[in-house]
Protein backbone atom coordinates (compact mmCIF):
# COMPACT_ATOMS: atom_id res chain seq x y z
CA MET A 1 0.08 -0.12 -0.04
CA ASN A 2 1.33 3.38 -0.86
CA MET A 3 0.67 6.92 -0.64
CA ILE A 4 3.07 9.87 0.39
CA VAL A 5 4.71 8.00 3.31
CA TYR A 6 5.91 10.46 5.57
CA ARG A 7 5.21 9.54 9.14
CA GLY A 8 1.48 10.46 9.28
CA PRO A 9 0.08 7.37 7.46
CA GLN A 10 2.25 5.10 9.23
CA LEU A 11 1.12 6.68 12.64
CA LYS A 12 -2.43 6.64 11.58
CA PHE A 13 -2.62 2.84 10.43
CA THR A 14 -0.56 1.91 13.65
CA LYS A 15 -3.37 3.11 15.89
CA LEU A 16 -5.96 1.03 14.20
CA ALA A 17 -7.10 -2.05 16.35
CA GLY A 18 -5.90 -5.07 14.70
CA VAL A 19 -2.99 -3.50 12.98
CA GLU A 20 0.24 -5.16 14.24
CA ARG A 21 3.18 -3.65 12.45
CA CYS A 22 3.64 -0.65 9.91
CA VAL A 23 6.91 -0.70 8.09
CA VAL A 24 8.06 2.12 5.66
CA GLY A 25 10.14 1.22 2.81
CA TYR A 26 10.09 1.07 -1.05
CA SER A 27 8.29 -1.13 -3.57
CA GLY A 28 7.65 -1.56 -7.15
CA GLY A 29 10.97 -0.99 -8.81
CA GLN A 30 13.69 -3.05 -10.34
CA LYS A 31 16.64 -1.46 -9.26
CA LEU A 32 18.45 -3.06 -6.08
CA HIS A 33 18.93 -1.21 -2.73
CA PRO A 34 16.86 1.91 -2.96
CA THR A 35 17.41 4.65 -0.44
CA TYR A 36 15.70 7.87 0.01
CA HIS A 37 18.43 9.58 -1.84
CA ARG A 38 18.72 6.81 -4.57
CA ILE A 39 15.12 5.83 -4.97
CA LYS A 40 15.37 5.23 -8.58
CA ASP A 41 12.45 3.53 -10.11
CA HIS A 42 10.70 2.57 -6.67
CA THR A 43 7.65 4.27 -4.79
CA GLU A 44 7.68 4.92 -1.14
CA ALA A 45 5.62 2.11 0.40
CA LEU A 46 4.11 1.09 3.84
CA LEU A 47 3.58 -2.47 4.65
CA ILE A 48 0.81 -3.10 7.04
CA GLU A 49 0.67 -6.36 9.04
CA PHE A 50 -2.68 -7.10 10.40
CA ASP A 51 -4.83 -9.71 12.24
CA PRO A 52 -7.54 -10.40 9.86
CA LYS A 53 -9.79 -11.37 12.93
CA GLN A 54 -9.62 -7.88 14.22
CA ILE A 55 -9.56 -5.61 11.15
CA SER A 56 -10.42 -6.82 7.54
CA TYR A 57 -8.40 -6.09 4.57
CA GLU A 58 -11.46 -3.90 3.25
CA ASP A 59 -11.39 -1.69 6.52
CA ILE A 60 -7.78 -0.96 5.93
CA LEU A 61 -8.50 -0.17 2.32
CA LEU A 62 -11.47 2.13 3.53
CA GLU A 63 -8.95 4.09 5.92
CA TRP A 64 -6.52 4.31 3.10
CA SER A 65 -9.22 5.85 1.01
CA ARG A 66 -10.21 8.39 3.65
CA MET A 67 -6.46 9.62 3.78
CA HIS A 68 -5.78 9.38 0.12
CA ASN A 69 -5.94 12.59 -2.13
CA PRO A 70 -6.29 11.70 -5.75
CA ILE A 71 -6.59 15.26 -6.99
CA ARG A 72 -3.21 16.97 -6.73
CA ARG A 73 -0.57 18.32 -9.02
CA TRP A 74 2.13 16.51 -10.71
CA ILE A 75 4.28 14.51 -8.12
CA PRO A 76 7.66 12.76 -8.44
CA ARG A 77 7.22 9.04 -9.03
CA GLN A 78 8.35 8.04 -5.52
CA TYR A 79 5.20 9.65 -4.17
CA ARG A 80 2.56 8.15 -6.64
CA SER A 81 -0.37 6.27 -5.07
CA ALA A 82 -0.59 2.43 -5.47
CA ILE A 83 -1.92 -0.59 -3.64
CA TRP A 84 0.16 -3.84 -3.77
CA TYR A 85 -1.63 -6.71 -2.63
CA LEU A 86 -0.02 -10.02 -1.04
CA ASP A 87 -1.91 -12.75 -2.36
CA GLU A 88 -4.86 -13.69 -4.72
CA GLU A 89 -7.42 -13.01 -1.82
CA GLN A 90 -6.14 -9.62 -1.33
CA GLN A 91 -6.44 -9.04 -5.26
CA GLU A 92 -10.16 -10.04 -5.29
């Protein structure tokens, strides 16, 4: 899951009941070892680990949609919005 990942979204997701861990990193690129200063073709991302008995994937997506602002000027590739799913069930 990705949106402009400063600490704001990470802290908001961490406060949700059932969210066990949030980790900021990079996703979606082919170049090895991205860093903030050498992000290349990656996008900043937020990995959200959660207990599906306490919070559903759909609820996490709903929370993401509340934080997301799809109407904005051009932004660098590293800040584009995207959702990466873990498995076929989440893809559905």
